[in-house]
Amino acid sequence: MKFGAGTSVFVYTLALVKLAAAHISIISPCPRYSPVGEKCPALPPGESYDIGEHAINGPISSVQLGGTMPLCRHTTPWPTPAAEWTAGQQVTIKFNPSAAIHSGGHCQFSISYDNGKTFAVIHEELQYCFLGSKPASVTNTPQVHEYSFTLPKNLPSSDKAVFSWTWINASGNREFYMNCADVSIKGSGSSYTGKQMVIANYPGYPTIPEFNGNYDTGMQYYKDAPSVTVSPSGGSSGGSYTNNTSSAAPSSAAPSSAAPEPTTPANEEPTYTASSAPASYEQTSAPVESPNPHGAQDEVTSNTGAGAPADSGSGSCTAGQMQCSGSGYKVCIGGKWSQEFACGTGTTCKGSDNGIYCGFS
């Protein structure tokens, strides 16, 4: 597909919007129901792997495209911890190498002791997450695939702590990403106080606009986030956010014992202010190859029943690896190749094992 100088940005954007969401996820510690994570526990009874149209790599909310999943994507934890950590020690968070990182953005790593109701930040990679520095232009190629940091020394002990990674993407549709991994922590503290995890581009919460090269966009939310205290006995916070479609600072509110409460009344739909076409997708007179901005999975209509997808390949592979198969692609799950997933209408799988995507023919 080619786009000339007379082609509107809106038409080009519609072509991108047709691609289903699949961008990036953590693989270690294994997030809830991930089909590509490392050392994942067994699925809870009656649950299924996070595949299909709303697969593990996708956002939990999109301002433009709609569709909302609960925080953490899934509210039922793994039956056993996906990792065992000790307060004060270094941990490494690994990401799926098959990814589309939307020019970086703001990442937070947080901890909860009440099954995801209250999160306190333990590490941040703001502005240039997955990149390390400001990119020269819009990019989907990650330069950083893992982050290592030291856990706070005063984290309390718990066999049922919830670790989360959240991300606000810099370019493309305004989305909110969140993966949660159930972990056990050995620590000596009775509670931990840190910044409250930022929630944005999610119904009832602020909308952080596309950065368009300005990586200070949305930073005020992170700088002015209220403190929150988490412990095995519950959590409490010193403030929450107001719904705002700009990147202004959040305002203080009455203390809350949970994650910041949406300001949209329960019986009303939130109203968003969003451009019909992200400004970073410019008109061009040159032919444009359109890499899938949502990663390798694209309008997937695969089996979402309980258990892993049927294995249609042979031989061993590395968990999380993807490869083109015919016009679609396969994902390595549990050391074996999955069934073939279809690319969207008019697209075929392209690239190599180092990075594949569903692109226009």
Protein backbone atom coordinates (compact mmCIF):
# COMPACT_ATOMS: atom_id res chain seq x y z
CA MET A 1 0.00 0.00 0.00
CA LYS A 2 1.31 3.45 -0.94
CA PHE A 3 0.42 6.89 0.34
CA GLY A 4 1.06 9.95 -1.81
CA ALA A 5 1.15 13.64 -0.93
CA GLY A 6 -2.58 13.91 -1.52
CA THR A 7 -3.42 11.17 0.94
CA SER A 8 -4.88 12.54 4.15
CA VAL A 9 -3.31 11.80 7.50
CA PHE A 10 -6.73 10.58 8.61
CA VAL A 11 -6.88 7.87 5.95
CA TYR A 12 -3.37 6.72 6.86
CA THR A 13 -4.31 6.60 10.52
CA LEU A 14 -7.43 4.53 9.79
CA ALA A 15 -5.20 2.00 8.08
CA LEU A 16 -3.11 1.77 11.25
CA VAL A 17 -6.11 1.69 13.58
CA LYS A 18 -7.41 -1.44 11.84
CA LEU A 19 -4.46 -3.32 13.32
CA ALA A 20 -5.28 -4.92 16.66
CA ALA A 21 -3.28 -4.00 19.75
CA ALA A 22 -0.15 -6.04 20.46
CA HIS A 23 2.89 -4.02 21.52
CA ILE A 24 5.05 -5.24 24.43
CA SER A 25 4.83 -7.11 27.71
CA ILE A 26 7.12 -8.28 30.47
CA ILE A 27 8.26 -11.90 30.30
CA SER A 28 10.12 -12.06 33.63
CA PRO A 29 8.76 -12.21 36.22
CA CYS A 30 5.96 -13.95 34.35
CA PRO A 31 2.84 -11.74 34.28
CA ARG A 32 -0.59 -13.21 34.89
CA TYR A 33 -1.67 -15.67 32.17
CA SER A 34 1.21 -14.84 29.82
CA PRO A 35 1.74 -17.44 27.06
CA VAL A 36 5.31 -16.21 26.47
CA GLY A 37 6.64 -15.54 29.98
CA GLU A 38 9.57 -17.28 31.64
CA LYS A 39 9.02 -19.81 34.45
CA CYS A 40 5.29 -19.20 34.58
CA PRO A 41 3.16 -20.96 37.22
CA ALA A 42 0.23 -23.17 36.23
CA LEU A 43 -2.95 -21.39 35.20
CA PRO A 44 -5.66 -20.94 37.85
CA PRO A 45 -8.58 -23.36 37.33
CA GLY A 46 -10.95 -22.15 34.62
CA GLU A 47 -8.61 -19.46 33.28
CA SER A 48 -6.98 -19.26 29.84
CA TYR A 49 -3.77 -17.85 28.42
CA ASP A 50 -3.79 -14.17 27.47
CA ILE A 51 -3.92 -14.57 23.67
CA GLY A 52 -6.19 -13.47 20.86
CA GLU A 53 -7.44 -9.99 19.99
CA HIS A 54 -6.59 -8.58 23.44
CA ALA A 55 -3.32 -10.47 23.89
CA ILE A 56 -0.77 -9.93 26.64
CA ASN A 57 1.24 -7.41 24.58
CA GLY A 58 -1.73 -5.06 24.18
CA PRO A 59 -2.90 -2.07 26.24
CA ILE A 60 -5.60 -2.34 28.88
CA SER A 61 -7.20 0.82 27.50
CA SER A 62 -7.12 2.99 24.37
CA VAL A 63 -8.67 6.46 24.20
CA GLN A 64 -9.20 6.30 20.43
CA LEU A 65 -10.06 2.62 19.99
CA GLY A 66 -11.98 2.06 23.21
CA GLY A 67 -11.99 -1.24 25.05
CA THR A 68 -11.00 -1.47 28.69
CA MET A 69 -9.60 -4.29 30.78
CA PRO A 70 -9.29 -4.21 34.57
CA LEU A 71 -6.07 -2.99 36.14
CA CYS A 72 -3.51 -5.83 36.02
CA ARG A 73 -5.50 -7.25 33.04
CA HIS A 74 -6.61 -10.15 35.26
CA THR A 75 -7.80 -10.01 38.86
CA THR A 76 -7.22 -13.67 39.81
CA PRO A 77 -3.58 -14.24 40.80
CA TRP A 78 -1.31 -17.10 39.84
CA PRO A 79 -1.80 -20.04 42.25
CA THR A 80 1.90 -19.75 43.20
CA PRO A 81 4.37 -16.84 42.98
CA ALA A 82 6.08 -16.27 39.64
CA ALA A 83 9.25 -15.09 41.42
CA GLU A 84 10.82 -15.01 44.87
CA TRP A 85 12.46 -11.70 45.83
CA THR A 86 14.32 -10.34 48.85
CA ALA A 87 14.05 -6.71 49.91
CA GLY A 88 17.25 -4.76 49.22
CA GLN A 89 18.42 -7.08 46.46
CA GLN A 90 18.65 -6.39 42.73
CA VAL A 91 15.99 -7.73 40.39
CA THR A 92 15.87 -7.78 36.60
CA ILE A 93 12.68 -7.15 34.64
CA LYS A 94 12.76 -8.61 31.13
CA PHE A 95 10.54 -7.61 28.21
CA ASN A 96 9.31 -9.53 25.18
CA PRO A 97 11.93 -9.00 22.44
CA SER A 98 9.18 -9.03 19.80
CA ALA A 99 7.86 -5.55 20.48
CA ALA A 100 6.67 -2.21 19.12
CA ILE A 101 7.60 0.50 21.63
CA HIS A 102 5.88 3.59 20.17
CA SER A 103 8.87 5.91 20.58
CA GLY A 104 9.31 5.12 24.29
CA GLY A 105 7.44 7.02 26.97
CA HIS A 106 6.92 6.75 30.73
CA CYS A 107 7.33 3.41 32.58
CA GLN A 108 6.77 2.71 36.26
CA PHE A 109 7.42 -0.41 38.32
CA SER A 110 5.27 -0.71 41.43
CA ILE A 111 4.32 -3.05 44.26
CA SER A 112 0.99 -3.91 45.87
CA TYR A 113 0.05 -5.95 48.94
CA ASP A 114 -3.75 -5.94 48.47
CA ASN A 115 -4.05 -7.79 45.14
CA GLY A 116 -3.65 -4.71 43.00
CA LYS A 117 -5.92 -2.22 44.76
CA THR A 118 -3.05 0.01 45.97
CA PHE A 119 0.29 0.39 44.18
CA ALA A 120 3.43 2.22 45.36
CA VAL A 121 6.22 2.93 42.87
CA ILE A 122 9.58 1.24 43.46
CA HIS A 123 11.33 2.27 40.21
CA GLU A 124 10.76 4.54 37.21
CA GLU A 125 12.07 4.84 33.65
CA LEU A 126 10.44 8.08 32.50
CA GLN A 127 10.49 9.76 29.08
CA TYR A 128 12.72 7.30 27.21
CA CYS A 129 11.57 3.87 28.39
CA PHE A 130 12.92 1.08 26.10
CA LEU A 131 15.26 3.61 24.44
CA GLY A 132 17.59 5.18 27.01
CA SER A 133 17.70 8.53 25.24
CA LYS A 134 15.52 10.75 23.06
CA PRO A 135 14.95 9.22 19.62
CA ALA A 136 15.61 11.22 16.45
CA SER A 137 12.16 10.37 15.12
CA VAL A 138 9.17 8.08 15.65
CA THR A 139 10.42 4.54 16.22
CA ASN A 140 9.05 1.12 17.18
CA THR A 141 12.44 -0.54 17.72
CA PRO A 142 13.50 -1.05 21.36
CA GLN A 143 17.09 -0.38 22.39
CA VAL A 144 16.58 -1.67 25.95
CA HIS A 145 15.05 -5.10 26.58
CA GLU A 146 15.43 -5.32 30.35
CA TYR A 147 15.84 -3.15 33.44
CA SER A 148 17.68 -4.01 36.65
CA PHE A 149 17.15 -2.11 39.89
CA THR A 150 17.45 -2.60 43.64
CA LEU A 151 14.32 -3.31 45.64
CA PRO A 152 13.69 -0.96 48.60
CA LYS A 153 15.19 -2.39 51.80
CA ASN A 154 12.05 -1.77 53.83
CA LEU A 155 9.61 -3.79 51.74
CA PRO A 156 7.43 -6.01 53.96
CA SER A 157 7.36 -9.77 53.63
CA SER A 158 4.49 -11.39 51.75
CA ASP A 159 3.80 -14.49 49.69
CA LYS A 160 1.05 -12.61 47.85
CA ALA A 161 2.64 -9.36 46.69
CA VAL A 162 1.76 -8.05 43.22
CA PHE A 163 4.44 -6.44 41.06
CA SER A 164 3.28 -4.21 38.20
CA TRP A 165 4.78 -2.57 35.15
CA THR A 166 2.85 0.33 33.61
CA TRP A 167 3.59 2.36 30.48
CA ILE A 168 2.31 5.49 28.74
CA ASN A 169 3.48 5.36 25.12
CA ALA A 170 5.04 8.43 23.49
CA SER A 171 3.62 8.09 19.96
CA GLY A 172 0.45 6.68 18.40
CA ASN A 173 -2.96 6.14 19.95
CA ARG A 174 -3.25 7.21 23.57
CA GLU A 175 -3.03 3.98 25.51
CA PHE A 176 -2.31 2.58 28.95
CA TYR A 177 -0.36 -0.63 29.41
CA MET A 178 -0.16 -2.75 32.54
CA ASN A 179 1.17 -6.21 33.37
CA CYS A 180 1.12 -7.74 36.86
CA ALA A 181 3.18 -10.60 38.26
CA ASP A 182 2.50 -12.33 41.55
CA VAL A 183 5.69 -12.48 43.63
CA SER A 184 6.80 -13.46 47.13
CA ILE A 185 9.01 -11.02 49.05
CA LYS A 186 11.21 -11.62 52.07
CA GLY A 187 11.64 -8.38 53.97
CA SER A 188 11.84 -6.86 57.43
CA GLY A 189 9.70 -3.75 57.01
CA SER A 190 6.14 -3.36 58.26
CA SER A 191 5.12 -1.05 55.39
CA TYR A 192 6.51 0.79 52.38
CA THR A 193 5.76 4.38 51.35
CA GLY A 194 6.38 5.57 47.81
CA LYS A 195 4.83 7.58 45.03
CA GLN A 196 1.37 6.56 43.93
CA MET A 197 1.36 4.78 40.57
CA VAL A 198 0.18 7.05 37.75
CA ILE A 199 -2.90 5.94 35.82
CA ALA A 200 -3.70 7.78 32.57
CA ASN A 201 -5.38 7.16 29.21
CA TYR A 202 -7.84 5.00 31.13
CA PRO A 203 -11.56 5.74 31.59
CA GLY A 204 -12.11 8.35 34.30
CA TYR A 205 -8.42 9.30 34.52
CA PRO A 206 -6.33 12.01 32.80
CA THR A 207 -5.42 11.71 29.14
CA ILE A 208 -1.73 12.30 28.41
CA PRO A 209 -1.50 13.48 24.79
CA GLU A 210 0.92 12.25 22.17
CA PHE A 211 4.42 13.58 22.88
CA ASN A 212 5.22 14.77 19.33
CA GLY A 213 8.89 15.03 20.29
CA ASN A 214 8.28 16.77 23.63
CA TYR A 215 9.28 14.19 26.22
CA ASP A 216 8.23 16.43 29.09
CA THR A 217 4.63 15.67 28.12
CA GLY A 218 2.77 14.26 31.12
CA MET A 219 5.79 14.55 33.41
CA GLN A 220 3.92 16.74 35.88
CA TYR A 221 1.69 13.80 36.82
CA TYR A 222 4.76 11.82 37.82
CA LYS A 223 6.49 14.69 39.63
CA ASP A 224 3.40 15.64 41.64
CA ALA A 225 2.09 12.16 42.40
CA PRO A 226 0.92 11.85 46.03
CA SER A 227 2.55 9.40 48.43
CA VAL A 228 0.95 6.08 49.19
CA THR A 229 1.73 3.53 51.91
CA VAL A 230 1.34 -0.18 51.22
CA SER A 231 1.56 -3.10 53.63
CA PRO A 232 0.15 -6.62 54.04
CA SER A 233 -2.55 -5.07 56.24
CA GLY A 234 -3.72 -2.63 53.54
CA GLY A 235 -2.78 0.71 51.99
CA SER A 236 -3.52 4.40 52.29
CA SER A 237 -2.72 7.38 50.08
CA GLY A 238 -2.50 11.14 50.40
CA GLY A 239 -4.28 12.19 47.21
CA SER A 240 -5.74 11.28 43.82
CA TYR A 241 -6.02 12.66 40.32
CA THR A 242 -8.64 14.71 38.53
CA ASN A 243 -9.81 13.84 35.04
CA ASN A 244 -8.11 16.16 32.56
CA THR A 245 -7.24 15.80 28.91
CA SER A 246 -4.14 17.99 29.17
CA SER A 247 -0.79 17.27 30.77
CA ALA A 248 -1.39 19.63 33.66
CA ALA A 249 -0.51 18.67 37.21
CA PRO A 250 -2.93 16.49 39.16
CA SER A 251 -4.79 18.16 42.00
CA SER A 252 -5.01 16.97 45.59
CA ALA A 253 -8.09 15.27 46.90
CA ALA A 254 -9.28 13.48 49.99
CA PRO A 255 -7.15 10.52 51.14
CA SER A 256 -7.99 7.20 49.58
CA SER A 257 -7.13 3.66 50.62
CA ALA A 258 -6.92 2.38 47.05
CA ALA A 259 -5.63 3.35 43.62
CA PRO A 260 -6.70 6.85 42.52
CA GLU A 261 -10.46 6.84 42.04
CA PRO A 262 -11.92 7.71 38.62
CA THR A 263 -13.59 11.09 38.64
CA THR A 264 -16.22 10.11 36.06
CA PRO A 265 -19.52 9.12 37.77
CA ALA A 266 -20.27 5.43 37.57
CA ASN A 267 -23.40 5.99 35.45
CA GLU A 268 -21.68 8.18 32.86
CA GLU A 269 -19.28 7.43 30.06
CA PRO A 270 -15.98 9.35 30.25
CA THR A 271 -15.50 12.05 27.62
CA TYR A 272 -12.17 12.20 25.82
CA THR A 273 -10.60 14.95 23.77
CA ALA A 274 -8.49 13.27 21.15
CA SER A 275 -7.37 14.05 17.62
CA SER A 276 -8.68 11.75 14.93
CA ALA A 277 -5.14 11.39 13.62
CA PRO A 278 -1.94 11.39 15.68
CA ALA A 279 0.19 14.30 14.51
CA SER A 280 3.36 12.21 14.33
CA TYR A 281 2.10 10.36 11.24
CA GLU A 282 2.88 12.93 8.58
CA GLN A 283 1.94 13.07 4.92
CA THR A 284 4.67 11.95 2.58
CA SER A 285 5.22 11.90 -1.15
CA ALA A 286 7.36 8.79 -0.92
CA PRO A 287 5.98 5.24 -0.83
CA VAL A 288 5.44 4.17 2.76
CA GLU A 289 5.95 0.68 4.12
CA SER A 290 3.60 0.54 7.08
CA PRO A 291 5.11 -1.54 9.88
CA ASN A 292 2.48 -2.73 12.30
CA PRO A 293 2.64 -0.14 15.11
CA HIS A 294 1.08 -2.71 17.38
CA GLY A 295 3.77 -5.39 17.08
CA ALA A 296 3.58 -8.83 15.60
CA GLN A 297 0.03 -9.79 16.53
CA ASP A 298 -2.58 -8.18 14.31
CA GLU A 299 -6.34 -8.83 14.24
CA VAL A 300 -5.76 -12.21 15.84
CA THR A 301 -8.73 -14.57 15.89
CA SER A 302 -7.04 -17.47 17.63
CA ASN A 303 -8.45 -19.91 20.16
CA THR A 304 -9.05 -18.26 23.54
CA GLY A 305 -10.29 -21.34 25.36
CA ALA A 306 -8.73 -22.72 28.51
CA GLY A 307 -5.14 -23.87 28.26
CA ALA A 308 -2.42 -23.15 25.75
CA PRO A 309 -3.03 -22.86 22.01
CA ALA A 310 -2.79 -26.07 20.07
CA ASP A 311 0.76 -26.91 19.06
CA SER A 312 1.06 -27.21 15.29
CA GLY A 313 4.83 -27.04 15.02
CA SER A 314 7.72 -29.30 15.86
CA GLY A 315 11.06 -28.80 17.51
CA SER A 316 12.07 -26.66 20.46
CA CYS A 317 12.11 -22.86 20.66
CA THR A 318 12.67 -20.06 23.17
CA ALA A 319 9.62 -18.79 25.08
CA GLY A 320 8.41 -15.50 23.63
CA GLN A 321 10.07 -16.03 20.25
CA MET A 322 7.95 -15.30 17.17
CA GLN A 323 8.35 -16.37 13.56
CA CYS A 324 6.51 -15.81 10.30
CA SER A 325 4.50 -18.79 9.09
CA GLY A 326 2.89 -18.47 5.70
CA SER A 327 1.09 -15.12 5.72
CA GLY A 328 0.68 -15.24 9.51
CA TYR A 329 2.97 -16.00 12.44
CA LYS A 330 3.57 -18.37 15.35
CA VAL A 331 4.54 -17.77 18.99
CA CYS A 332 6.78 -19.99 21.11
CA ILE A 333 4.79 -21.16 24.15
CA GLY A 334 6.32 -23.51 26.69
CA GLY A 335 9.18 -24.39 24.36
CA LYS A 336 6.91 -25.34 21.44
CA TRP A 337 5.51 -23.39 18.50
CA SER A 338 1.84 -22.45 18.69
CA GLN A 339 -0.76 -22.71 15.98
CA GLU A 340 -0.53 -20.09 13.22
CA PHE A 341 -2.10 -16.70 13.99
CA ALA A 342 -3.49 -14.67 11.08
CA CYS A 343 -2.37 -11.17 10.16
CA GLY A 344 -5.03 -8.56 9.43
CA THR A 345 -6.73 -8.14 6.08
CA GLY A 346 -4.30 -6.93 3.43
CA THR A 347 -1.20 -7.58 5.57
CA THR A 348 1.35 -10.37 5.73
CA CYS A 349 4.04 -11.31 8.22
CA LYS A 350 7.41 -9.70 7.50
CA GLY A 351 10.81 -9.43 9.12
CA SER A 352 12.95 -12.06 10.82
CA ASP A 353 13.25 -13.78 14.18
CA ASN A 354 14.92 -10.60 15.45
CA GLY A 355 11.68 -8.67 14.90
CA ILE A 356 8.53 -9.45 12.92
CA TYR A 357 5.42 -7.46 12.12
CA CYS A 358 2.27 -7.63 10.01
CA GLY A 359 2.82 -5.13 7.20
CA PHE A 360 0.97 -4.12 4.09
CA SER A 361 1.86 -6.05 0.97
